[in-house]
Every structure is written in structure tokens, then in C-alpha cells.
Amino acid sequence: MVSPKSKLTKAIRKPKATWVELKFYADVEYRDIASEGLLRASSFKGLSKP
């Protein structure tokens, strides 16, 4: 859901950013995390509410 302003405690200047509110969590399974911080062999399992 689109939010009119950022919910972050520290201000970030992003003029073209679209801020959103958390409505769902994505359940994701993965095997490992690469050195670049990316997930390896990831798969989407579904959505759940917070």
C-alpha cells in the first residue's frame, strides 16, 4: 500500500521514491547467501500477514 511519507527514523532524500506500508510478509526459502549479499537458489513460498 502506498504511503504519503517515509516511515524511516532517519531521513533519506529520494525525490522519485514510492514509500509503502507493510501489509504482507513474503515467505522465501533459499540455500545460501552469496558474497554479494544475494540469495542463492531462492524460491517464493507464499504470502502471510504480519
PDB file of N, CA and C in Angstrom:
ATOM      1  N   MET A   1       0.831  -1.175   0.000  1.00  0.00           N
ATOM      2  CA  MET A   1       0.000   0.000   0.000  1.00  0.00           C
ATOM      3  C   MET A   1       0.881   1.245   0.000  1.00  0.00           C
ATOM      4  N   VAL A   2       0.599   2.166  -0.856  1.00  0.00           N
ATOM      5  CA  VAL A   2       1.388   3.388  -0.986  1.00  0.00           C
ATOM      6  C   VAL A   2       1.152   4.286   0.221  1.00  0.00           C
ATOM      7  N   SER A   3       2.244   4.826   0.760  1.00  0.00           N
ATOM      8  CA  SER A   3       2.201   5.723   1.911  1.00  0.00           C
ATOM      9  C   SER A   3       2.645   7.113   1.463  1.00  0.00           C
ATOM     10  N   PRO A   4       2.032   8.174   1.990  1.00  0.00           N
ATOM     11  CA  PRO A   4       2.418   9.521   1.552  1.00  0.00           C
ATOM     12  C   PRO A   4       3.802   9.957   2.018  1.00  0.00           C
ATOM     13  N   LYS A   5       4.347   9.323   3.061  1.00  0.00           N
ATOM     14  CA  LYS A   5       5.671   9.710   3.539  1.00  0.00           C
ATOM     15  C   LYS A   5       6.430   8.496   4.060  1.00  0.00           C
ATOM     16  N   SER A   6       7.729   8.651   4.242  1.00  0.00           N
ATOM     17  CA  SER A   6       8.594   7.582   4.719  1.00  0.00           C
ATOM     18  C   SER A   6       8.319   7.267   6.181  1.00  0.00           C
ATOM     19  N   LYS A   7       8.403   6.004   6.552  1.00  0.00           N
ATOM     20  CA  LYS A   7       8.247   5.573   7.941  1.00  0.00           C
ATOM     21  C   LYS A   7       9.601   5.385   8.621  1.00  0.00           C
ATOM     22  N   LEU A   8      10.699   5.718   7.915  1.00  0.00           N
ATOM     23  CA  LEU A   8      12.032   5.543   8.456  1.00  0.00           C
ATOM     24  C   LEU A   8      12.346   6.608   9.504  1.00  0.00           C
ATOM     25  N   THR A   9      13.166   6.246  10.487  1.00  0.00           N
ATOM     26  CA  THR A   9      13.548   7.201  11.529  1.00  0.00           C
ATOM     27  C   THR A   9      14.627   8.161  11.048  1.00  0.00           C
ATOM     28  N   LYS A  10      15.437   7.739  10.087  1.00  0.00           N
ATOM     29  CA  LYS A  10      16.486   8.583   9.515  1.00  0.00           C
ATOM     30  C   LYS A  10      16.023   9.081   8.147  1.00  0.00           C
ATOM     31  N   ALA A  11      16.075  10.382   7.933  1.00  0.00           N
ATOM     32  CA  ALA A  11      15.605  10.964   6.675  1.00  0.00           C
ATOM     33  C   ALA A  11      16.488  10.545   5.502  1.00  0.00           C
ATOM     34  N   ILE A  12      15.846  10.197   4.396  1.00  0.00           N
ATOM     35  CA  ILE A  12      16.539   9.817   3.162  1.00  0.00           C
ATOM     36  C   ILE A  12      15.925  10.634   2.025  1.00  0.00           C
ATOM     37  N   ARG A  13      16.770  11.326   1.266  1.00  0.00           N
ATOM     38  CA  ARG A  13      16.268  12.139   0.158  1.00  0.00           C
ATOM     39  C   ARG A  13      16.233  11.301  -1.118  1.00  0.00           C
ATOM     40  N   LYS A  14      15.065  10.913  -1.511  1.00  0.00           N
ATOM     41  CA  LYS A  14      14.838  10.177  -2.749  1.00  0.00           C
ATOM     42  C   LYS A  14      13.626  10.801  -3.431  1.00  0.00           C
ATOM     43  N   PRO A  15      13.838  11.783  -4.316  1.00  0.00           N
ATOM     44  CA  PRO A  15      12.711  12.514  -4.893  1.00  0.00           C
ATOM     45  C   PRO A  15      11.730  11.657  -5.690  1.00  0.00           C
ATOM     46  N   LYS A  16      12.190  10.583  -6.279  1.00  0.00           N
ATOM     47  CA  LYS A  16      11.285   9.744  -7.082  1.00  0.00           C
ATOM     48  C   LYS A  16      10.888   8.454  -6.368  1.00  0.00           C
ATOM     49  N   ALA A  17      11.139   8.361  -5.077  1.00  0.00           N
ATOM     50  CA  ALA A  17      10.833   7.144  -4.323  1.00  0.00           C
ATOM     51  C   ALA A  17       9.331   7.020  -4.077  1.00  0.00           C
ATOM     52  N   THR A  18       8.857   5.793  -4.037  1.00  0.00           N
ATOM     53  CA  THR A  18       7.479   5.499  -3.650  1.00  0.00           C
ATOM     54  C   THR A  18       7.538   4.747  -2.332  1.00  0.00           C
ATOM     55  N   TRP A  19       7.000   5.333  -1.294  1.00  0.00           N
ATOM     56  CA  TRP A  19       7.019   4.717   0.028  1.00  0.00           C
ATOM     57  C   TRP A  19       5.785   3.837   0.191  1.00  0.00           C
ATOM     58  N   VAL A  20       5.971   2.700   0.816  1.00  0.00           N
ATOM     59  CA  VAL A  20       4.860   1.768   1.004  1.00  0.00           C
ATOM     60  C   VAL A  20       4.776   1.335   2.468  1.00  0.00           C
ATOM     61  N   GLU A  21       3.603   0.854   2.855  1.00  0.00           N
ATOM     62  CA  GLU A  21       3.392   0.320   4.200  1.00  0.00           C
ATOM     63  C   GLU A  21       3.352  -1.206   4.115  1.00  0.00           C
ATOM     64  N   LEU A  22       3.900  -1.855   5.124  1.00  0.00           N
ATOM     65  CA  LEU A  22       3.936  -3.308   5.166  1.00  0.00           C
ATOM     66  C   LEU A  22       2.532  -3.867   5.401  1.00  0.00           C
ATOM     67  N   LYS A  23       2.076  -4.709   4.497  1.00  0.00           N
ATOM     68  CA  LYS A  23       0.783  -5.370   4.638  1.00  0.00           C
ATOM     69  C   LYS A  23       0.933  -6.890   4.637  1.00  0.00           C
ATOM     70  N   PHE A  24       2.003  -7.392   4.019  1.00  0.00           N
ATOM     71  CA  PHE A  24       2.239  -8.827   3.917  1.00  0.00           C
ATOM     72  C   PHE A  24       3.719  -9.122   4.069  1.00  0.00           C
ATOM     73  N   TYR A  25       4.023 -10.332   4.492  1.00  0.00           N
ATOM     74  CA  TYR A  25       5.392 -10.848   4.500  1.00  0.00           C
ATOM     75  C   TYR A  25       5.491 -11.872   3.380  1.00  0.00           C
ATOM     76  N   ALA A  26       6.611 -11.888   2.683  1.00  0.00           N
ATOM     77  CA  ALA A  26       6.856 -12.905   1.669  1.00  0.00           C
ATOM     78  C   ALA A  26       7.640 -14.044   2.318  1.00  0.00           C
ATOM     79  N   ASP A  27       7.139 -15.259   2.193  1.00  0.00           N
ATOM     80  CA  ASP A  27       7.843 -16.444   2.681  1.00  0.00           C
ATOM     81  C   ASP A  27       8.745 -16.937   1.554  1.00  0.00           C
ATOM     82  N   VAL A  28      10.059 -16.897   1.801  1.00  0.00           N
ATOM     83  CA  VAL A  28      11.045 -17.264   0.788  1.00  0.00           C
ATOM     84  C   VAL A  28      12.000 -18.286   1.391  1.00  0.00           C
ATOM     85  N   GLU A  29      12.316 -19.306   0.608  1.00  0.00           N
ATOM     86  CA  GLU A  29      13.277 -20.319   1.035  1.00  0.00           C
ATOM     87  C   GLU A  29      14.515 -20.169   0.158  1.00  0.00           C
ATOM     88  N   TYR A  30      15.705 -20.330   0.747  1.00  0.00           N
ATOM     89  CA  TYR A  30      16.938 -20.208  -0.027  1.00  0.00           C
ATOM     90  C   TYR A  30      17.991 -21.146   0.526  1.00  0.00           C
ATOM     91  N   ARG A  31      18.983 -21.469  -0.296  1.00  0.00           N
ATOM     92  CA  ARG A  31      20.046 -22.398   0.087  1.00  0.00           C
ATOM     93  C   ARG A  31      21.227 -21.711   0.749  1.00  0.00           C
ATOM     94  N   ASP A  32      21.576 -20.494   0.254  1.00  0.00           N
ATOM     95  CA  ASP A  32      22.777 -19.822   0.732  1.00  0.00           C
ATOM     96  C   ASP A  32      22.698 -18.346   0.382  1.00  0.00           C
ATOM     97  N   ILE A  33      23.607 -17.557   0.957  1.00  0.00           N
ATOM     98  CA  ILE A  33      23.731 -16.142   0.619  1.00  0.00           C
ATOM     99  C   ILE A  33      25.101 -15.932  -0.011  1.00  0.00           C
ATOM    100  N   ALA A  34      25.115 -15.376  -1.227  1.00  0.00           N
ATOM    101  CA  ALA A  34      26.363 -15.139  -1.953  1.00  0.00           C
ATOM    102  C   ALA A  34      27.157 -14.018  -1.288  1.00  0.00           C
ATOM    103  N   SER A  35      28.427 -13.901  -1.643  1.00  0.00           N
ATOM    104  CA  SER A  35      29.290 -12.870  -1.065  1.00  0.00           C
ATOM    105  C   SER A  35      28.790 -11.458  -1.390  1.00  0.00           C
ATOM    106  N   GLU A  36      28.005 -11.304  -2.474  1.00  0.00           N
ATOM    107  CA  GLU A  36      27.441 -10.008  -2.844  1.00  0.00           C
ATOM    108  C   GLU A  36      26.186  -9.676  -2.037  1.00  0.00           C
ATOM    109  N   GLY A  37      25.748 -10.606  -1.178  1.00  0.00           N
ATOM    110  CA  GLY A  37      24.540 -10.392  -0.382  1.00  0.00           C
ATOM    111  C   GLY A  37      23.270 -10.865  -1.059  1.00  0.00           C
ATOM    112  N   LEU A  38      23.389 -11.563  -2.194  1.00  0.00           N
ATOM    113  CA  LEU A  38      22.235 -12.060  -2.924  1.00  0.00           C
ATOM    114  C   LEU A  38      21.897 -13.482  -2.482  1.00  0.00           C
ATOM    115  N   LEU A  39      20.608 -13.835  -2.536  1.00  0.00           N
ATOM    116  CA  LEU A  39      20.184 -15.185  -2.174  1.00  0.00           C
ATOM    117  C   LEU A  39      20.455 -16.149  -3.320  1.00  0.00           C
ATOM    118  N   ARG A  40      20.930 -17.342  -2.974  1.00  0.00           N
ATOM    119  CA  ARG A  40      21.176 -18.390  -3.975  1.00  0.00           C
ATOM    120  C   ARG A  40      20.080 -19.431  -3.877  1.00  0.00           C
ATOM    121  N   ALA A  41      19.637 -19.917  -5.023  1.00  0.00           N
ATOM    122  CA  ALA A  41      18.616 -20.957  -5.125  1.00  0.00           C
ATOM    123  C   ALA A  41      17.398 -20.594  -4.290  1.00  0.00           C
ATOM    124  N   SER A  42      16.875 -19.385  -4.512  1.00  0.00           N
ATOM    125  CA  SER A  42      15.718 -18.925  -3.749  1.00  0.00           C
ATOM    126  C   SER A  42      14.421 -19.321  -4.430  1.00  0.00           C
ATOM    127  N   SER A  43      13.369 -19.511  -3.629  1.00  0.00           N
ATOM    128  CA  SER A  43      12.055 -19.804  -4.191  1.00  0.00           C
ATOM    129  C   SER A  43      10.986 -19.165  -3.305  1.00  0.00           C
ATOM    130  N   PHE A  44       9.978 -18.602  -3.956  1.00  0.00           N
ATOM    131  CA  PHE A  44       8.861 -17.952  -3.298  1.00  0.00           C
ATOM    132  C   PHE A  44       7.884 -19.010  -2.803  1.00  0.00           C
ATOM    133  N   LYS A  45       7.518 -18.949  -1.527  1.00  0.00           N
ATOM    134  CA  LYS A  45       6.627 -19.956  -0.942  1.00  0.00           C
ATOM    135  C   LYS A  45       5.224 -19.433  -0.677  1.00  0.00           C
ATOM    136  N   GLY A  46       5.057 -18.112  -0.610  1.00  0.00           N
ATOM    137  CA  GLY A  46       3.735 -17.555  -0.420  1.00  0.00           C
ATOM    138  C   GLY A  46       3.779 -16.257   0.370  1.00  0.00           C
ATOM    139  N   LEU A  47       2.582 -15.741   0.709  1.00  0.00           N
ATOM    140  CA  LEU A  47       2.464 -14.510   1.490  1.00  0.00           C
ATOM    141  C   LEU A  47       1.768 -14.796   2.810  1.00  0.00           C
ATOM    142  N   SER A  48       2.105 -14.016   3.829  1.00  0.00           N
ATOM    143  CA  SER A  48       1.425 -14.109   5.128  1.00  0.00           C
ATOM    144  C   SER A  48       1.274 -12.708   5.689  1.00  0.00           C
ATOM    145  N   LYS A  49       0.306 -12.517   6.548  1.00  0.00           N
ATOM    146  CA  LYS A  49       0.101 -11.205   7.183  1.00  0.00           C
ATOM    147  C   LYS A  49       0.989 -11.084   8.408  1.00  0.00           C
ATOM    148  N   PRO A  50       1.423  -9.850   8.729  1.00  0.00           N
ATOM    149  CA  PRO A  50       2.283  -9.646   9.902  1.00  0.00           C
ATOM    150  C   PRO A  50       1.560  -9.921  11.213  1.00  0.00           C
TER     151      PRO A  50
END
